[in-house]
Structures are given as structure tokens and as C-alpha cells.
Amino acid sequence: MRLWGWYFLASNLFAFLLFGLDKRRAKKRAWRIPERTLLFAAFIGGAAGSLFGMLLFRHKIRKPLFYLGVPTLLIMQCALCYLCLGR
């Protein structure tokens, strides 16, 4: 796997874990991860992990910024990969 592949794997795993951690903290009423951090993790390449985390943990699925923004970022990242890596 090339460097970009490892980057996307790591960023998606990181984003997925952030959503899981934030959901866990929400249940315990503990200090939370800021929404902008969750969205930034999706923006930098972790949109698939963010979406999977949202659905699996049922976290942030009612907020339009997340249920519209994260899938949009995923589509944009997939299109960018398609354009950059060849057809």
C-alpha cells in the first residue's frame, strides 16, 4: 500500500475512534470532543470513518451539519481519489 493509502486508513480509523470516544463521554456526561474537531477529522480524510462511527454509535445523526456534511465530504473525497489516482 502506498503512503496515501496508509494516510487514509489512519485518518479514517482516527475519526471513527473519535466518534466512539465522544459518544462514550456523552453517556457518562463527561468532557466532550468539540464538534469542529469531529468535523475536521472527517475533512482531513476521515469521512468514511466518521460516517461509519456516526451510524454504528448512533452519534450526531440528528444534526444536519453532520448527517449532510459528512456524506458530502465522503463523496468529495471519493471523487478526489478517483481523479488523482486514475480512471
Foldseek 3Di string as FASTA:
>chain_A
DDPVVVVLVVLQVVLLVLLVVQLVCVVVVHDHDDPVVSLVSLQVRNLVSNVVSCVVSVGPCVPCCNVVVSVVSVVVNVVVCDVVVDD
